[in-house]
Amino acid sequence: PKLLMLDEPSLGLAPRLVAEIFRIIAEIKRDGTSILLVEQNVRMALSVAHYAYVLEGGRLVLEGEAAELLENPNVQELYLGVTREPSVKGYKRYKAKRRWA
């Protein structure tokens, strides 16, 4: 096919199966098939994407090349759980739970 549309292919799968699914998606992409992927697993989705749109509450909040989004501090903190320094989000979580983790 010229276009493959996938809706949450990793939903409910064990991590090993998720890795295998995304290995297959990457292989299909390398073979030249365009892929429209809807996925909540941001890290895996961006690992196979060329370009991505980030939706929050049904609204477009970010878009760009996948490699750029992976380096975006907001994407890292809000969607990948990575922070380089204490953040407002982390502080709010601390206040609510009275612990950092």
N, C-alpha and C. Protein backbone atom coordinates (compact mmCIF):
# COMPACT_ATOMS: atom_id res chain seq x y z
N PRO A 1 0.83 -1.20 0.00
CA PRO A 1 0.00 0.00 0.00
C PRO A 1 0.87 1.26 0.00
N LYS A 2 0.29 2.35 -0.45
CA LYS A 2 1.01 3.63 -0.42
C LYS A 2 0.91 4.28 0.96
N LEU A 3 -0.19 3.99 1.67
CA LEU A 3 -0.42 4.58 2.98
C LEU A 3 -0.93 3.52 3.95
N LEU A 4 -0.32 3.47 5.13
CA LEU A 4 -0.76 2.58 6.20
C LEU A 4 -1.21 3.45 7.36
N MET A 5 -2.46 3.27 7.80
CA MET A 5 -3.00 4.04 8.92
C MET A 5 -3.08 3.13 10.14
N LEU A 6 -2.45 3.56 11.24
CA LEU A 6 -2.41 2.77 12.47
C LEU A 6 -2.94 3.60 13.63
N ASP A 7 -3.87 3.03 14.38
CA ASP A 7 -4.45 3.71 15.54
C ASP A 7 -4.07 2.95 16.80
N GLU A 8 -3.17 3.51 17.59
CA GLU A 8 -2.72 2.94 18.86
C GLU A 8 -2.25 1.49 18.73
N PRO A 9 -1.28 1.21 17.87
CA PRO A 9 -0.86 -0.18 17.69
C PRO A 9 -0.21 -0.80 18.92
N SER A 10 0.23 0.02 19.88
CA SER A 10 0.89 -0.54 21.07
C SER A 10 -0.04 -0.69 22.27
N LEU A 11 -1.27 -0.25 22.14
CA LEU A 11 -2.20 -0.23 23.26
C LEU A 11 -2.39 -1.62 23.87
N GLY A 12 -2.09 -1.72 25.16
CA GLY A 12 -2.32 -2.95 25.90
C GLY A 12 -1.30 -4.05 25.68
N LEU A 13 -0.24 -3.77 24.96
CA LEU A 13 0.75 -4.80 24.66
C LEU A 13 1.92 -4.77 25.65
N ALA A 14 2.52 -5.92 25.84
CA ALA A 14 3.73 -6.03 26.66
C ALA A 14 4.88 -5.29 25.98
N PRO A 15 5.83 -4.78 26.76
CA PRO A 15 6.95 -4.02 26.18
C PRO A 15 7.68 -4.73 25.05
N ARG A 16 7.89 -6.02 25.15
CA ARG A 16 8.58 -6.74 24.06
C ARG A 16 7.77 -6.72 22.78
N LEU A 17 6.45 -6.86 22.89
CA LEU A 17 5.60 -6.80 21.71
C LEU A 17 5.57 -5.39 21.12
N VAL A 18 5.57 -4.39 21.99
CA VAL A 18 5.61 -3.00 21.51
C VAL A 18 6.88 -2.77 20.71
N ALA A 19 8.01 -3.22 21.22
CA ALA A 19 9.28 -3.07 20.50
C ALA A 19 9.22 -3.77 19.15
N GLU A 20 8.63 -4.94 19.10
CA GLU A 20 8.52 -5.69 17.84
C GLU A 20 7.59 -4.97 16.86
N ILE A 21 6.47 -4.47 17.35
CA ILE A 21 5.54 -3.73 16.49
C ILE A 21 6.24 -2.53 15.87
N PHE A 22 6.98 -1.78 16.68
CA PHE A 22 7.64 -0.58 16.15
C PHE A 22 8.83 -0.93 15.27
N ARG A 23 9.45 -2.06 15.48
CA ARG A 23 10.49 -2.52 14.56
C ARG A 23 9.87 -2.79 13.19
N ILE A 24 8.70 -3.40 13.17
CA ILE A 24 8.00 -3.68 11.92
C ILE A 24 7.54 -2.38 11.26
N ILE A 25 7.03 -1.44 12.05
CA ILE A 25 6.62 -0.14 11.50
C ILE A 25 7.81 0.55 10.85
N ALA A 26 8.96 0.54 11.50
CA ALA A 26 10.16 1.17 10.94
C ALA A 26 10.56 0.48 9.64
N GLU A 27 10.43 -0.82 9.58
CA GLU A 27 10.77 -1.57 8.36
C GLU A 27 9.82 -1.20 7.22
N ILE A 28 8.54 -1.09 7.52
CA ILE A 28 7.55 -0.69 6.51
C ILE A 28 7.87 0.71 6.00
N LYS A 29 8.24 1.60 6.92
CA LYS A 29 8.62 2.97 6.54
C LYS A 29 9.84 2.97 5.62
N ARG A 30 10.85 2.16 5.96
CA ARG A 30 12.06 2.07 5.13
C ARG A 30 11.75 1.57 3.73
N ASP A 31 10.73 0.73 3.62
CA ASP A 31 10.34 0.20 2.32
C ASP A 31 9.59 1.22 1.47
N GLY A 32 9.32 2.41 2.03
CA GLY A 32 8.73 3.49 1.25
C GLY A 32 7.25 3.72 1.43
N THR A 33 6.62 3.01 2.35
CA THR A 33 5.20 3.22 2.60
C THR A 33 5.03 4.39 3.57
N SER A 34 4.11 5.30 3.24
CA SER A 34 3.78 6.39 4.16
C SER A 34 2.93 5.83 5.28
N ILE A 35 3.13 6.36 6.49
CA ILE A 35 2.41 5.85 7.65
C ILE A 35 1.78 7.01 8.41
N LEU A 36 0.49 6.89 8.68
CA LEU A 36 -0.21 7.82 9.55
C LEU A 36 -0.43 7.08 10.86
N LEU A 37 0.25 7.52 11.91
CA LEU A 37 0.27 6.81 13.18
C LEU A 37 -0.33 7.67 14.28
N VAL A 38 -1.33 7.13 14.96
CA VAL A 38 -1.89 7.76 16.15
C VAL A 38 -1.42 6.91 17.31
N GLU A 39 -0.69 7.52 18.26
CA GLU A 39 -0.05 6.72 19.30
C GLU A 39 0.17 7.56 20.55
N GLN A 40 -0.15 7.00 21.73
CA GLN A 40 0.11 7.70 22.99
C GLN A 40 1.52 7.47 23.50
N ASN A 41 2.19 6.45 23.02
CA ASN A 41 3.57 6.16 23.42
C ASN A 41 4.47 7.10 22.62
N VAL A 42 4.68 8.29 23.17
CA VAL A 42 5.38 9.35 22.44
C VAL A 42 6.80 8.94 22.04
N ARG A 43 7.51 8.33 22.95
CA ARG A 43 8.90 7.95 22.66
C ARG A 43 8.97 7.00 21.46
N MET A 44 8.12 6.00 21.44
CA MET A 44 8.14 5.04 20.33
C MET A 44 7.65 5.69 19.04
N ALA A 45 6.60 6.50 19.14
CA ALA A 45 6.07 7.15 17.94
C ALA A 45 7.12 8.05 17.30
N LEU A 46 7.80 8.85 18.12
CA LEU A 46 8.81 9.75 17.57
C LEU A 46 10.04 9.00 17.06
N SER A 47 10.25 7.79 17.55
CA SER A 47 11.40 7.01 17.08
C SER A 47 11.24 6.55 15.63
N VAL A 48 10.00 6.46 15.16
CA VAL A 48 9.77 6.02 13.77
C VAL A 48 9.25 7.14 12.88
N ALA A 49 8.90 8.28 13.48
CA ALA A 49 8.28 9.37 12.71
C ALA A 49 9.32 10.25 12.04
N HIS A 50 8.89 10.87 10.96
CA HIS A 50 9.67 11.94 10.33
C HIS A 50 9.13 13.28 10.83
N TYR A 51 7.81 13.39 10.85
CA TYR A 51 7.14 14.62 11.27
C TYR A 51 6.03 14.23 12.23
N ALA A 52 5.75 15.07 13.24
CA ALA A 52 4.74 14.70 14.23
C ALA A 52 3.90 15.90 14.63
N TYR A 53 2.69 15.59 15.02
CA TYR A 53 1.76 16.56 15.59
C TYR A 53 1.44 16.09 17.00
N VAL A 54 1.49 16.99 17.97
CA VAL A 54 1.17 16.65 19.35
C VAL A 54 -0.17 17.28 19.67
N LEU A 55 -1.12 16.43 20.04
CA LEU A 55 -2.46 16.89 20.40
C LEU A 55 -2.65 16.79 21.91
N GLU A 56 -3.30 17.77 22.47
CA GLU A 56 -3.62 17.77 23.90
C GLU A 56 -5.08 18.18 24.01
N GLY A 57 -5.92 17.31 24.51
CA GLY A 57 -7.35 17.62 24.62
C GLY A 57 -7.99 17.88 23.27
N GLY A 58 -7.51 17.21 22.24
CA GLY A 58 -8.06 17.37 20.91
C GLY A 58 -7.56 18.59 20.16
N ARG A 59 -6.65 19.32 20.74
CA ARG A 59 -6.10 20.53 20.10
C ARG A 59 -4.62 20.34 19.79
N LEU A 60 -4.22 20.90 18.67
CA LEU A 60 -2.82 20.86 18.27
C LEU A 60 -2.01 21.81 19.16
N VAL A 61 -1.01 21.25 19.86
CA VAL A 61 -0.19 22.10 20.73
C VAL A 61 1.25 22.21 20.25
N LEU A 62 1.71 21.25 19.48
CA LEU A 62 3.07 21.28 18.94
C LEU A 62 3.10 20.51 17.63
N GLU A 63 4.02 20.89 16.77
CA GLU A 63 4.26 20.11 15.56
C GLU A 63 5.69 20.37 15.12
N GLY A 64 6.23 19.41 14.40
CA GLY A 64 7.58 19.58 13.89
C GLY A 64 8.21 18.26 13.54
N GLU A 65 9.46 18.34 13.10
CA GLU A 65 10.19 17.12 12.79
C GLU A 65 10.40 16.34 14.08
N ALA A 66 10.30 15.03 13.98
CA ALA A 66 10.38 14.17 15.16
C ALA A 66 11.67 14.39 15.95
N ALA A 67 12.78 14.51 15.26
CA ALA A 67 14.07 14.71 15.95
C ALA A 67 14.07 16.00 16.75
N GLU A 68 13.45 17.05 16.21
CA GLU A 68 13.37 18.32 16.93
C GLU A 68 12.45 18.21 18.14
N LEU A 69 11.34 17.51 17.98
CA LEU A 69 10.41 17.35 19.10
C LEU A 69 11.05 16.55 20.23
N LEU A 70 11.86 15.55 19.89
CA LEU A 70 12.54 14.76 20.92
C LEU A 70 13.49 15.62 21.75
N GLU A 71 14.02 16.68 21.16
CA GLU A 71 14.95 17.58 21.87
C GLU A 71 14.23 18.74 22.56
N ASN A 72 12.94 18.91 22.30
CA ASN A 72 12.18 20.01 22.88
C ASN A 72 11.99 19.77 24.38
N PRO A 73 12.42 20.72 25.23
CA PRO A 73 12.31 20.53 26.69
C PRO A 73 10.88 20.29 27.16
N ASN A 74 9.90 20.95 26.53
CA ASN A 74 8.51 20.74 26.92
C ASN A 74 8.05 19.33 26.61
N VAL A 75 8.41 18.82 25.46
CA VAL A 75 8.06 17.44 25.09
C VAL A 75 8.75 16.48 26.04
N GLN A 76 10.02 16.74 26.33
CA GLN A 76 10.76 15.86 27.23
C GLN A 76 10.11 15.80 28.61
N GLU A 77 9.71 16.95 29.13
CA GLU A 77 9.13 16.98 30.47
C GLU A 77 7.70 16.45 30.49
N LEU A 78 6.86 16.94 29.59
CA LEU A 78 5.44 16.64 29.66
C LEU A 78 5.06 15.28 29.09
N TYR A 79 5.81 14.80 28.10
CA TYR A 79 5.42 13.57 27.42
C TYR A 79 6.42 12.43 27.58
N LEU A 80 7.65 12.75 27.93
CA LEU A 80 8.66 11.70 28.07
C LEU A 80 9.13 11.52 29.51
N GLY A 81 8.71 12.43 30.40
CA GLY A 81 9.08 12.31 31.80
C GLY A 81 10.53 12.62 32.10
N VAL A 82 11.16 13.41 31.24
CA VAL A 82 12.57 13.75 31.40
C VAL A 82 12.69 15.23 31.76
N THR A 83 13.43 15.53 32.82
CA THR A 83 13.69 16.93 33.15
C THR A 83 15.16 17.10 33.49
N ARG A 84 15.69 18.23 33.12
CA ARG A 84 17.09 18.54 33.40
C ARG A 84 17.23 19.33 34.71
N GLU A 85 16.15 19.97 35.11
CA GLU A 85 16.17 20.76 36.33
C GLU A 85 14.77 20.74 36.94
N PRO A 86 14.63 21.11 38.20
CA PRO A 86 13.31 21.12 38.82
C PRO A 86 12.34 21.98 38.01
N SER A 87 11.13 21.51 37.88
CA SER A 87 10.16 22.22 37.05
C SER A 87 8.91 22.55 37.85
N VAL A 88 8.09 23.40 37.28
CA VAL A 88 6.82 23.76 37.89
C VAL A 88 5.95 22.51 38.01
N LYS A 89 5.92 21.70 36.97
CA LYS A 89 5.12 20.48 37.00
C LYS A 89 5.59 19.57 38.14
N GLY A 90 6.89 19.40 38.27
CA GLY A 90 7.43 18.57 39.34
C GLY A 90 7.10 19.12 40.71
N TYR A 91 7.17 20.42 40.86
CA TYR A 91 6.86 21.04 42.15
C TYR A 91 5.39 20.85 42.51
N LYS A 92 4.50 21.01 41.52
CA LYS A 92 3.07 20.80 41.77
C LYS A 92 2.81 19.36 42.17
N ARG A 93 3.48 18.42 41.54
CA ARG A 93 3.33 17.01 41.88
C ARG A 93 3.81 16.78 43.32
N TYR A 94 4.94 17.41 43.66
CA TYR A 94 5.48 17.28 45.02
C TYR A 94 4.47 17.80 46.05
N LYS A 95 3.91 18.98 45.79
CA LYS A 95 2.96 19.56 46.73
C LYS A 95 1.73 18.68 46.89
N ALA A 96 1.27 18.07 45.82
CA ALA A 96 0.07 17.23 45.89
C ALA A 96 0.34 15.92 46.62
N LYS A 97 1.49 15.31 46.36
CA LYS A 97 1.78 13.99 46.93
C LYS A 97 2.75 14.04 48.11
N ARG A 98 3.37 15.19 48.33
CA ARG A 98 4.37 15.36 49.38
C ARG A 98 5.57 14.44 49.20
N ARG A 99 5.89 14.14 47.98
CA ARG A 99 7.10 13.38 47.65
C ARG A 99 7.47 13.68 46.21
N TRP A 100 8.72 13.48 45.85
CA TRP A 100 9.20 13.82 44.52
C TRP A 100 8.93 12.74 43.50
N ALA A 101 8.81 11.50 43.90
CA ALA A 101 8.61 10.43 42.93
C ALA A 101 7.16 10.07 42.80
